PDB file of all heavy atoms in Angstrom:
ATOM      1  N   PRO A   1      26.451 -18.736  44.278  1.00  0.00           N
ATOM      2  CA  PRO A   1      26.791 -18.498  42.833  1.00  0.00           C
ATOM      3  C   PRO A   1      27.928 -19.304  42.330  1.00  0.00           C
ATOM      4  O   PRO A   1      27.854 -19.710  41.092  1.00  0.00           O
ATOM      5  CB  PRO A   1      27.165 -17.013  42.836  1.00  0.00           C
ATOM      6  CG  PRO A   1      26.378 -16.471  44.056  1.00  0.00           C
ATOM      7  CD  PRO A   1      26.374 -17.460  45.081  1.00  0.00           C
ATOM      8  N   SER A   2      28.925 -19.672  43.132  1.00  0.00           N
ATOM      9  CA  SER A   2      30.025 -20.324  42.655  1.00  0.00           C
ATOM     10  C   SER A   2      29.667 -21.798  42.198  1.00  0.00           C
ATOM     11  O   SER A   2      30.305 -22.511  41.564  1.00  0.00           O
ATOM     12  CB  SER A   2      31.101 -20.480  43.804  1.00  0.00           C
ATOM     13  OG  SER A   2      30.514 -21.132  44.907  1.00  0.00           O
ATOM     14  N   ALA A   3      28.526 -22.249  42.684  1.00  0.00           N
ATOM     15  CA  ALA A   3      27.953 -23.714  42.274  1.00  0.00           C
ATOM     16  C   ALA A   3      27.557 -23.569  40.843  1.00  0.00           C
ATOM     17  O   ALA A   3      27.494 -24.750  40.268  1.00  0.00           O
ATOM     18  CB  ALA A   3      26.894 -24.144  43.220  1.00  0.00           C
ATOM     19  N   GLU A   4      27.297 -22.432  40.268  1.00  0.00           N
ATOM     20  CA  GLU A   4      26.748 -22.329  38.849  1.00  0.00           C
ATOM     21  C   GLU A   4      25.569 -23.268  38.552  1.00  0.00           C
ATOM     22  O   GLU A   4      25.458 -23.856  37.621  1.00  0.00           O
ATOM     23  CB  GLU A   4      27.816 -22.677  37.895  1.00  0.00           C
ATOM     24  CG  GLU A   4      29.043 -21.695  37.979  1.00  0.00           C
ATOM     25  CD  GLU A   4      30.116 -21.917  36.989  1.00  0.00           C
ATOM     26  OE1 GLU A   4      30.222 -23.059  36.309  1.00  0.00           O
ATOM     27  OE2 GLU A   4      30.932 -20.940  36.744  1.00  0.00           O
ATOM     28  N   ARG A   5      24.646 -23.192  39.495  1.00  0.00           N
ATOM     29  CA  ARG A   5      23.427 -23.926  39.451  1.00  0.00           C
ATOM     30  C   ARG A   5      22.199 -22.950  39.548  1.00  0.00           C
ATOM     31  O   ARG A   5      22.287 -22.110  40.492  1.00  0.00           O
ATOM     32  CB  ARG A   5      23.303 -25.071  40.457  1.00  0.00           C
ATOM     33  CG  ARG A   5      24.306 -26.205  40.228  1.00  0.00           C
ATOM     34  CD  ARG A   5      24.083 -27.276  41.302  1.00  0.00           C
ATOM     35  NE  ARG A   5      22.795 -28.054  41.254  1.00  0.00           N
ATOM     36  CZ  ARG A   5      22.413 -28.992  41.954  1.00  0.00           C
ATOM     37  NH1 ARG A   5      23.343 -29.477  42.810  1.00  0.00           N
ATOM     38  NH2 ARG A   5      21.315 -29.669  41.793  1.00  0.00           N
ATOM     39  N   ASN A   6      21.216 -23.100  38.856  1.00  0.00           N
ATOM     40  CA  ASN A   6      20.075 -22.297  38.854  1.00  0.00           C
ATOM     41  C   ASN A   6      18.956 -23.126  39.628  1.00  0.00           C
ATOM     42  O   ASN A   6      18.271 -23.911  38.902  1.00  0.00           O
ATOM     43  CB  ASN A   6      19.643 -21.861  37.435  1.00  0.00           C
ATOM     44  CG  ASN A   6      18.418 -20.817  37.446  1.00  0.00           C
ATOM     45  OD1 ASN A   6      17.523 -21.000  38.232  1.00  0.00           O
ATOM     46  ND2 ASN A   6      18.569 -19.885  36.624  1.00  0.00           N
ATOM     47  N   ALA A   7      18.662 -22.817  40.822  1.00  0.00           N
ATOM     48  CA  ALA A   7      17.724 -23.611  41.594  1.00  0.00           C
ATOM     49  C   ALA A   7      16.276 -23.446  41.091  1.00  0.00           C
ATOM     50  O   ALA A   7      15.592 -24.499  40.933  1.00  0.00           O
ATOM     51  CB  ALA A   7      17.667 -23.175  42.992  1.00  0.00           C
ATOM     52  N   ILE A   8      15.965 -22.310  40.601  1.00  0.00           N
ATOM     53  CA  ILE A   8      14.522 -22.226  40.075  1.00  0.00           C
ATOM     54  C   ILE A   8      14.334 -22.851  38.761  1.00  0.00           C
ATOM     55  O   ILE A   8      13.365 -23.569  38.552  1.00  0.00           O
ATOM     56  CB  ILE A   8      14.089 -20.718  39.942  1.00  0.00           C
ATOM     57  CG1 ILE A   8      14.147 -20.084  41.337  1.00  0.00           C
ATOM     58  CG2 ILE A   8      12.752 -20.472  39.206  1.00  0.00           C
ATOM     59  CD1 ILE A   8      14.005 -18.565  41.270  1.00  0.00           C
ATOM     60  N   ALA A   9      15.381 -22.834  37.924  1.00  0.00           N
ATOM     61  CA  ALA A   9      15.283 -23.456  36.643  1.00  0.00           C
ATOM     62  C   ALA A   9      15.285 -25.051  36.823  1.00  0.00           C
ATOM     63  O   ALA A   9      14.492 -25.696  36.181  1.00  0.00           O
ATOM     64  CB  ALA A   9      16.548 -23.065  35.838  1.00  0.00           C
ATOM     65  N   GLU A  10      16.055 -25.438  37.807  1.00  0.00           N
ATOM     66  CA  GLU A  10      16.050 -26.953  38.125  1.00  0.00           C
ATOM     67  C   GLU A  10      14.694 -27.376  38.656  1.00  0.00           C
ATOM     68  O   GLU A  10      14.185 -28.524  38.210  1.00  0.00           O
ATOM     69  CB  GLU A  10      17.211 -27.284  39.163  1.00  0.00           C
ATOM     70  CG  GLU A  10      18.562 -27.226  38.562  1.00  0.00           C
ATOM     71  CD  GLU A  10      19.591 -27.598  39.516  1.00  0.00           C
ATOM     72  OE1 GLU A  10      19.375 -28.276  40.470  1.00  0.00           O
ATOM     73  OE2 GLU A  10      20.819 -27.264  39.162  1.00  0.00           O
ATOM     74  N   TYR A  11      14.036 -26.463  39.496  1.00  0.00           N
ATOM     75  CA  TYR A  11      12.758 -26.848  39.948  1.00  0.00           C
ATOM     76  C   TYR A  11      11.769 -26.863  38.847  1.00  0.00           C
ATOM     77  O   TYR A  11      10.896 -27.916  38.771  1.00  0.00           O
ATOM     78  CB  TYR A  11      12.273 -25.794  40.943  1.00  0.00           C
ATOM     79  CG  TYR A  11      10.747 -25.679  41.245  1.00  0.00           C
ATOM     80  CD1 TYR A  11      10.214 -26.648  42.055  1.00  0.00           C
ATOM     81  CD2 TYR A  11      10.121 -24.760  40.609  1.00  0.00           C
ATOM     82  CE1 TYR A  11       8.823 -26.665  42.339  1.00  0.00           C
ATOM     83  CE2 TYR A  11       8.602 -24.752  40.872  1.00  0.00           C
ATOM     84  CZ  TYR A  11       8.055 -25.774  41.693  1.00  0.00           C
ATOM     85  OH  TYR A  11       6.648 -25.659  41.869  1.00  0.00           O
ATOM     86  N   ARG A  12      11.764 -26.046  37.847  1.00  0.00           N
ATOM     87  CA  ARG A  12      10.808 -25.943  36.841  1.00  0.00           C
ATOM     88  C   ARG A  12      11.066 -27.268  35.800  1.00  0.00           C
ATOM     89  O   ARG A  12      10.187 -27.609  35.156  1.00  0.00           O
ATOM     90  CB  ARG A  12      10.973 -24.670  36.053  1.00  0.00           C
ATOM     91  CG  ARG A  12      10.284 -23.485  36.896  1.00  0.00           C
ATOM     92  CD  ARG A  12      10.733 -22.120  36.186  1.00  0.00           C
ATOM     93  NE  ARG A  12      10.026 -21.104  36.961  1.00  0.00           N
ATOM     94  CZ  ARG A  12      10.498 -19.809  36.905  1.00  0.00           C
ATOM     95  NH1 ARG A  12      11.491 -19.433  36.030  1.00  0.00           N
ATOM     96  NH2 ARG A  12       9.970 -18.760  37.648  1.00  0.00           N
ATOM     97  N   GLY A  13      12.384 -27.589  35.843  1.00  0.00           N
ATOM     98  CA  GLY A  13      12.646 -28.721  34.987  1.00  0.00           C
ATOM     99  C   GLY A  13      12.146 -30.020  35.512  1.00  0.00           C
ATOM    100  O   GLY A  13      11.682 -30.953  34.790  1.00  0.00           O
ATOM    101  N   ALA A  14      12.293 -30.253  36.773  1.00  0.00           N
ATOM    102  CA  ALA A  14      11.759 -31.460  37.477  1.00  0.00           C
ATOM    103  C   ALA A  14      11.763 -31.229  39.047  1.00  0.00           C
ATOM    104  O   ALA A  14      12.647 -30.834  39.611  1.00  0.00           O
ATOM    105  CB  ALA A  14      12.743 -32.621  37.193  1.00  0.00           C
ATOM    106  N   HIS A  15      10.394 -31.435  39.584  1.00  0.00           N
ATOM    107  CA  HIS A  15      10.304 -31.447  40.931  1.00  0.00           C
ATOM    108  C   HIS A  15       9.296 -32.492  41.430  1.00  0.00           C
ATOM    109  O   HIS A  15       8.724 -33.207  40.574  1.00  0.00           O
ATOM    110  CB  HIS A  15       9.712 -30.119  41.431  1.00  0.00           C
ATOM    111  CG  HIS A  15       8.485 -29.741  40.709  1.00  0.00           C
ATOM    112  ND1 HIS A  15       8.386 -28.774  39.656  1.00  0.00           N
ATOM    113  CD2 HIS A  15       7.119 -30.107  40.957  1.00  0.00           C
ATOM    114  CE1 HIS A  15       7.162 -28.570  39.287  1.00  0.00           C
ATOM    115  NE2 HIS A  15       6.437 -29.329  40.058  1.00  0.00           N
ATOM    116  N   ILE A  16       9.254 -32.762  42.686  1.00  0.00           N
ATOM    117  CA  ILE A  16       8.307 -33.841  43.276  1.00  0.00           C
ATOM    118  C   ILE A  16       6.925 -33.342  43.045  1.00  0.00           C
ATOM    119  O   ILE A  16       6.611 -32.202  43.128  1.00  0.00           O
ATOM    120  CB  ILE A  16       8.656 -33.978  44.644  1.00  0.00           C
ATOM    121  CG1 ILE A  16      10.032 -34.647  44.849  1.00  0.00           C
ATOM    122  CG2 ILE A  16       7.432 -34.858  45.360  1.00  0.00           C
ATOM    123  CD1 ILE A  16      10.373 -34.871  46.395  1.00  0.00           C
ATOM    124  N   PRO A  17       6.056 -34.070  42.472  1.00  0.00           N
ATOM    125  CA  PRO A  17       4.792 -33.702  41.995  1.00  0.00           C
ATOM    126  C   PRO A  17       4.029 -32.981  43.254  1.00  0.00           C
ATOM    127  O   PRO A  17       4.035 -33.369  44.403  1.00  0.00           O
ATOM    128  CB  PRO A  17       3.968 -35.093  41.836  1.00  0.00           C
ATOM    129  CG  PRO A  17       5.066 -36.001  41.400  1.00  0.00           C
ATOM    130  CD  PRO A  17       6.276 -35.538  42.148  1.00  0.00           C
ATOM    131  N   GLY A  18       3.417 -31.825  42.813  1.00  0.00           N
ATOM    132  CA  GLY A  18       2.787 -30.963  43.728  1.00  0.00           C
ATOM    133  C   GLY A  18       3.584 -30.069  44.559  1.00  0.00           C
ATOM    134  O   GLY A  18       3.113 -29.174  45.375  1.00  0.00           O
ATOM    135  N   ALA A  19       4.954 -30.122  44.427  1.00  0.00           N
ATOM    136  CA  ALA A  19       5.842 -29.277  45.310  1.00  0.00           C
ATOM    137  C   ALA A  19       5.784 -27.800  44.770  1.00  0.00           C
ATOM    138  O   ALA A  19       5.919 -27.569  43.651  1.00  0.00           O
ATOM    139  CB  ALA A  19       7.308 -29.740  45.162  1.00  0.00           C
ATOM    140  N   VAL A  20       5.813 -26.974  45.716  1.00  0.00           N
ATOM    141  CA  VAL A  20       5.918 -25.565  45.453  1.00  0.00           C
ATOM    142  C   VAL A  20       7.305 -25.103  45.654  1.00  0.00           C
ATOM    143  O   VAL A  20       8.060 -25.854  46.273  1.00  0.00           O
ATOM    144  CB  VAL A  20       4.968 -24.565  46.351  1.00  0.00           C
ATOM    145  CG1 VAL A  20       3.551 -24.913  46.129  1.00  0.00           C
ATOM    146  CG2 VAL A  20       5.304 -24.837  47.871  1.00  0.00           C
ATOM    147  N   TYR A  21       7.777 -24.019  45.088  1.00  0.00           N
ATOM    148  CA  TYR A  21       9.148 -23.547  45.163  1.00  0.00           C
ATOM    149  C   TYR A  21       9.260 -22.504  46.207  1.00  0.00           C
ATOM    150  O   TYR A  21       8.534 -21.469  46.226  1.00  0.00           O
ATOM    151  CB  TYR A  21       9.749 -23.051  43.852  1.00  0.00           C
ATOM    152  CG  TYR A  21      11.114 -22.620  44.057  1.00  0.00           C
ATOM    153  CD1 TYR A  21      12.172 -23.614  44.165  1.00  0.00           C
ATOM    154  CD2 TYR A  21      11.531 -21.250  44.125  1.00  0.00           C
ATOM    155  CE1 TYR A  21      13.580 -23.270  44.392  1.00  0.00           C
ATOM    156  CE2 TYR A  21      12.817 -20.868  44.292  1.00  0.00           C
ATOM    157  CZ  TYR A  21      13.855 -21.890  44.329  1.00  0.00           C
ATOM    158  OH  TYR A  21      15.106 -21.536  44.528  1.00  0.00           O
ATOM    159  N   PHE A  22      10.087 -22.703  47.285  1.00  0.00           N
ATOM    160  CA  PHE A  22      10.330 -21.810  48.429  1.00  0.00           C
ATOM    161  C   PHE A  22      11.534 -21.122  48.139  1.00  0.00           C
ATOM    162  O   PHE A  22      12.652 -21.603  48.098  1.00  0.00           O
ATOM    163  CB  PHE A  22      10.405 -22.536  49.679  1.00  0.00           C
ATOM    164  CG  PHE A  22      10.489 -21.655  50.905  1.00  0.00           C
ATOM    165  CD1 PHE A  22       9.275 -21.452  51.722  1.00  0.00           C
ATOM    166  CD2 PHE A  22      11.563 -20.923  51.296  1.00  0.00           C
ATOM    167  CE1 PHE A  22       9.347 -20.681  52.922  1.00  0.00           C
ATOM    168  CE2 PHE A  22      11.602 -20.186  52.405  1.00  0.00           C
ATOM    169  CZ  PHE A  22      10.466 -20.067  53.156  1.00  0.00           C
ATOM    170  N   ASP A  23      11.545 -19.729  47.820  1.00  0.00           N
ATOM    171  CA  ASP A  23      12.756 -19.020  47.432  1.00  0.00           C
ATOM    172  C   ASP A  23      13.292 -18.435  48.737  1.00  0.00           C
ATOM    173  O   ASP A  23      12.695 -17.471  49.352  1.00  0.00           O
ATOM    174  CB  ASP A  23      12.256 -17.908  46.478  1.00  0.00           C
ATOM    175  CG  ASP A  23      13.469 -17.190  45.944  1.00  0.00           C
ATOM    176  OD1 ASP A  23      14.524 -16.994  46.486  1.00  0.00           O
ATOM    177  OD2 ASP A  23      13.390 -16.742  44.706  1.00  0.00           O
ATOM    178  N   LEU A  24      14.439 -18.949  49.157  1.00  0.00           N
ATOM    179  CA  LEU A  24      15.035 -18.484  50.299  1.00  0.00           C
ATOM    180  C   LEU A  24      15.448 -17.156  50.325  1.00  0.00           C
ATOM    181  O   LEU A  24      15.298 -16.374  51.373  1.00  0.00           O
ATOM    182  CB  LEU A  24      16.299 -19.409  50.586  1.00  0.00           C
ATOM    183  CG  LEU A  24      17.050 -19.412  51.930  1.00  0.00           C
ATOM    184  CD1 LEU A  24      16.029 -19.483  53.155  1.00  0.00           C
ATOM    185  CD2 LEU A  24      18.230 -20.204  52.071  1.00  0.00           C
ATOM    186  N   ASP A  25      15.785 -16.620  49.264  1.00  0.00           N
ATOM    187  CA  ASP A  25      16.243 -15.176  49.199  1.00  0.00           C
ATOM    188  C   ASP A  25      14.948 -14.320  49.299  1.00  0.00           C
ATOM    189  O   ASP A  25      15.001 -13.288  50.107  1.00  0.00           O
ATOM    190  CB  ASP A  25      16.842 -14.845  47.852  1.00  0.00           C
ATOM    191  CG  ASP A  25      18.210 -15.406  47.752  1.00  0.00           C
ATOM    192  OD1 ASP A  25      19.003 -15.484  48.675  1.00  0.00           O
ATOM    193  OD2 ASP A  25      18.554 -16.002  46.568  1.00  0.00           O
ATOM    194  N   VAL A  26      13.881 -14.658  48.846  1.00  0.00           N
ATOM    195  CA  VAL A  26      12.653 -13.812  48.946  1.00  0.00           C
ATOM    196  C   VAL A  26      12.179 -13.929  50.424  1.00  0.00           C
ATOM    197  O   VAL A  26      11.619 -12.938  50.898  1.00  0.00           O
ATOM    198  CB  VAL A  26      11.551 -14.384  48.003  1.00  0.00           C
ATOM    199  CG1 VAL A  26      10.081 -13.686  48.294  1.00  0.00           C
ATOM    200  CG2 VAL A  26      11.965 -14.182  46.565  1.00  0.00           C
ATOM    201  N   ALA A  27      12.378 -15.104  51.038  1.00  0.00           N
ATOM    202  CA  ALA A  27      11.835 -15.312  52.393  1.00  0.00           C
ATOM    203  C   ALA A  27      12.737 -14.780  53.496  1.00  0.00           C
ATOM    204  O   ALA A  27      12.459 -15.034  54.661  1.00  0.00           O
ATOM    205  CB  ALA A  27      11.562 -16.834  52.560  1.00  0.00           C
ATOM    206  N   SER A  28      13.797 -14.126  53.076  1.00  0.00           N
ATOM    207  CA  SER A  28      14.763 -13.616  54.052  1.00  0.00           C
ATOM    208  C   SER A  28      14.368 -12.031  54.157  1.00  0.00           C
ATOM    209  O   SER A  28      13.698 -11.441  53.368  1.00  0.00           O
ATOM    210  CB  SER A  28      16.220 -13.735  53.610  1.00  0.00           C
ATOM    211  OG  SER A  28      16.463 -15.120  53.514  1.00  0.00           O
ATOM    212  N   ASP A  29      15.170 -11.449  55.238  1.00  0.00           N
ATOM    213  CA  ASP A  29      14.964  -9.999  55.479  1.00  0.00           C
ATOM    214  C   ASP A  29      15.691  -9.209  54.400  1.00  0.00           C
ATOM    215  O   ASP A  29      16.917  -9.080  54.601  1.00  0.00           O
ATOM    216  CB  ASP A  29      15.420  -9.726  56.835  1.00  0.00           C
ATOM    217  CG  ASP A  29      15.198  -8.243  57.231  1.00  0.00           C
ATOM    218  OD1 ASP A  29      14.656  -7.465  56.338  1.00  0.00           O
ATOM    219  OD2 ASP A  29      15.589  -7.751  58.339  1.00  0.00           O
ATOM    220  N   ARG A  30      15.103  -8.757  53.522  1.00  0.00           N
ATOM    221  CA  ARG A  30      15.751  -8.120  52.388  1.00  0.00           C
ATOM    222  C   ARG A  30      16.153  -6.677  52.759  1.00  0.00           C
ATOM    223  O   ARG A  30      16.765  -5.908  51.873  1.00  0.00           O
ATOM    224  CB  ARG A  30      14.801  -8.037  51.056  1.00  0.00           C
ATOM    225  CG  ARG A  30      14.747  -9.591  50.436  1.00  0.00           C
ATOM    226  CD  ARG A  30      13.857  -9.580  49.224  1.00  0.00           C
ATOM    227  NE  ARG A  30      12.452  -9.645  49.662  1.00  0.00           N
ATOM    228  CZ  ARG A  30      11.438  -9.638  48.859  1.00  0.00           C
ATOM    229  NH1 ARG A  30      11.648  -9.476  47.510  1.00  0.00           N
ATOM    230  NH2 ARG A  30      10.235  -9.678  49.235  1.00  0.00           N
ATOM    231  N   SER A  31      15.779  -6.200  53.862  1.00  0.00           N
ATOM    232  CA  SER A  31      16.267  -4.788  54.185  1.00  0.00           C
ATOM    233  C   SER A  31      17.545  -4.899  54.989  1.00  0.00           C
ATOM    234  O   SER A  31      18.233  -3.960  55.290  1.00  0.00           O
ATOM    235  CB  SER A  31      15.143  -4.224  55.232  1.00  0.00           C
ATOM    236  OG  SER A  31      15.076  -4.900  56.464  1.00  0.00           O
ATOM    237  N   SER A  32      17.871  -6.136  55.437  1.00  0.00           N
ATOM    238  CA  SER A  32      19.221  -6.462  56.055  1.00  0.00           C
ATOM    239  C   SER A  32      20.427  -6.351  55.174  1.00  0.00           C
ATOM    240  O   SER A  32      20.326  -6.934  53.957  1.00  0.00           O
ATOM    241  CB  SER A  32      19.178  -7.745  56.823  1.00  0.00           C
ATOM    242  OG  SER A  32      20.419  -8.022  57.311  1.00  0.00           O
ATOM    243  N   PRO A  33      21.601  -5.789  55.523  1.00  0.00           N
ATOM    244  CA  PRO A  33      22.775  -5.911  54.762  1.00  0.00           C
ATOM    245  C   PRO A  33      23.378  -7.349  54.616  1.00  0.00           C
ATOM    246  O   PRO A  33      24.321  -7.526  53.843  1.00  0.00           O
ATOM    247  CB  PRO A  33      23.719  -4.907  55.410  1.00  0.00           C
ATOM    248  CG  PRO A  33      23.259  -4.839  56.893  1.00  0.00           C
ATOM    249  CD  PRO A  33      21.813  -5.064  56.769  1.00  0.00           C
ATOM    250  N   LEU A  34      22.918  -8.189  55.481  1.00  0.00           N
ATOM    251  CA  LEU A  34      23.348  -9.574  55.579  1.00  0.00           C
ATOM    252  C   LEU A  34      22.518 -10.515  54.788  1.00  0.00           C
ATOM    253  O   LEU A  34      21.248 -10.321  54.727  1.00  0.00           O
ATOM    254  CB  LEU A  34      23.619  -9.923  57.105  1.00  0.00           C
ATOM    255  CG  LEU A  34      24.486  -9.159  57.958  1.00  0.00           C
ATOM    256  CD1 LEU A  34      24.235  -9.635  59.358  1.00  0.00           C
ATOM    257  CD2 LEU A  34      25.950  -9.278  57.422  1.00  0.00           C
ATOM    258  N   PRO A  35      23.058 -11.551  54.204  1.00  0.00           N
ATOM    259  CA  PRO A  35      22.167 -12.514  53.459  1.00  0.00           C
ATOM    260  C   PRO A  35      21.417 -13.449  54.324  1.00  0.00           C
ATOM    261  O   PRO A  35      21.947 -13.786  55.422  1.00  0.00           O
ATOM    262  CB  PRO A  35      23.171 -13.307  52.575  1.00  0.00           C
ATOM    263  CG  PRO A  35      24.375 -13.091  53.335  1.00  0.00           C
ATOM    264  CD  PRO A  35      24.438 -11.823  54.108  1.00  0.00           C
ATOM    265  N   HIS A  36      20.237 -13.643  53.955  1.00  0.00           N
ATOM    266  CA  HIS A  36      19.500 -14.750  54.662  1.00  0.00           C
ATOM    267  C   HIS A  36      19.199 -14.615  56.104  1.00  0.00           C
ATOM    268  O   HIS A  36      18.926 -15.566  56.848  1.00  0.00           O
ATOM    269  CB  HIS A  36      20.174 -16.179  54.513  1.00  0.00           C
ATOM    270  CG  HIS A  36      20.470 -16.451  52.990  1.00  0.00           C
ATOM    271  ND1 HIS A  36      21.824 -16.797  52.607  1.00  0.00           N
ATOM    272  CD2 HIS A  36      19.670 -16.409  51.913  1.00  0.00           C
ATOM    273  CE1 HIS A  36      21.776 -16.948  51.285  1.00  0.00           C
ATOM    274  NE2 HIS A  36      20.575 -16.682  50.784  1.00  0.00           N
ATOM    275  N   THR A  37      19.057 -13.370  56.583  1.00  0.00           N
ATOM    276  CA  THR A  37      18.681 -13.210  57.923  1.00  0.00           C
ATOM    277  C   THR A  37      17.082 -13.368  57.962  1.00  0.00           C
ATOM    278  O   THR A  37      16.409 -13.126  57.037  1.00  0.00           O
ATOM    279  CB  THR A  37      18.972 -11.853  58.400  1.00  0.00           C
ATOM    280  OG1 THR A  37      18.575 -10.839  57.502  1.00  0.00           O
ATOM    281  CG2 THR A  37      20.452 -11.755  58.706  1.00  0.00           C
ATOM    282  N   MET A  38      16.570 -13.724  59.189  1.00  0.00           N
ATOM    283  CA  MET A  38      15.260 -13.995  59.370  1.00  0.00           C
ATOM    284  C   MET A  38      14.265 -12.774  59.067  1.00  0.00           C
ATOM    285  O   MET A  38      14.595 -11.680  59.519  1.00  0.00           O
ATOM    286  CB  MET A  38      14.941 -14.555  60.779  1.00  0.00           C
ATOM    287  CG  MET A  38      15.447 -15.871  61.096  1.00  0.00           C
ATOM    288  SD  MET A  38      14.485 -17.219  60.381  1.00  0.00           S
ATOM    289  CE  MET A  38      13.292 -17.429  61.640  1.00  0.00           C
ATOM    290  N   PRO A  39      13.277 -12.984  58.289  1.00  0.00           N
ATOM    291  CA  PRO A  39      12.250 -11.883  58.126  1.00  0.00           C
ATOM    292  C   PRO A  39      11.444 -11.778  59.412  1.00  0.00           C
ATOM    293  O   PRO A  39      11.474 -12.616  60.329  1.00  0.00           O
ATOM    294  CB  PRO A  39      11.387 -12.387  57.001  1.00  0.00           C
ATOM    295  CG  PRO A  39      11.426 -13.969  57.233  1.00  0.00           C
ATOM    296  CD  PRO A  39      12.761 -14.318  57.682  1.00  0.00           C
ATOM    297  N   GLY A  40      10.527 -10.818  59.440  1.00  0.00           N
ATOM    298  CA  GLY A  40       9.550 -10.692  60.545  1.00  0.00           C
ATOM    299  C   GLY A  40       8.542 -11.839  60.421  1.00  0.00           C
ATOM    300  O   GLY A  40       8.321 -12.334  59.412  1.00  0.00           O
ATOM    301  N   ALA A  41       7.805 -11.954  61.519  1.00  0.00           N
ATOM    302  CA  ALA A  41       6.762 -12.911  61.550  1.00  0.00           C
ATOM    303  C   ALA A  41       5.618 -12.752  60.423  1.00  0.00           C
ATOM    304  O   ALA A  41       5.232 -13.611  59.778  1.00  0.00           O
ATOM    305  CB  ALA A  41       6.127 -13.031  62.917  1.00  0.00           C
ATOM    306  N   ALA A  42       5.264 -11.436  60.378  1.00  0.00           N
ATOM    307  CA  ALA A  42       4.265 -11.009  59.419  1.00  0.00           C
ATOM    308  C   ALA A  42       4.646 -11.341  58.010  1.00  0.00           C
ATOM    309  O   ALA A  42       3.904 -11.841  57.156  1.00  0.00           O
ATOM    310  CB  ALA A  42       3.771  -9.654  59.564  1.00  0.00           C
ATOM    311  N   GLU A  43       5.943 -11.106  57.657  1.00  0.00           N
ATOM    312  CA  GLU A  43       6.443 -11.222  56.353  1.00  0.00           C
ATOM    313  C   GLU A  43       6.446 -12.714  56.033  1.00  0.00           C
ATOM    314  O   GLU A  43       6.117 -13.265  54.924  1.00  0.00           O
ATOM    315  CB  GLU A  43       7.798 -10.618  56.095  1.00  0.00           C
ATOM    316  CG  GLU A  43       7.839  -9.170  56.113  1.00  0.00           C
ATOM    317  CD  GLU A  43       7.677  -8.578  57.503  1.00  0.00           C
ATOM    318  OE1 GLU A  43       7.761  -9.223  58.607  1.00  0.00           O
ATOM    319  OE2 GLU A  43       7.350  -7.243  57.571  1.00  0.00           O
TER     320      GLU A  43
END
């Protein structure tokens, strides 16, 4: 947050053709109290 950059907005503004956006927060274990811990294999 201290960087004051919006990664998703930057992606929507300009990305490499065909690139999908991988949201690191969504792909982490959101049940963990710690940020960015690994999700389960199924998730």
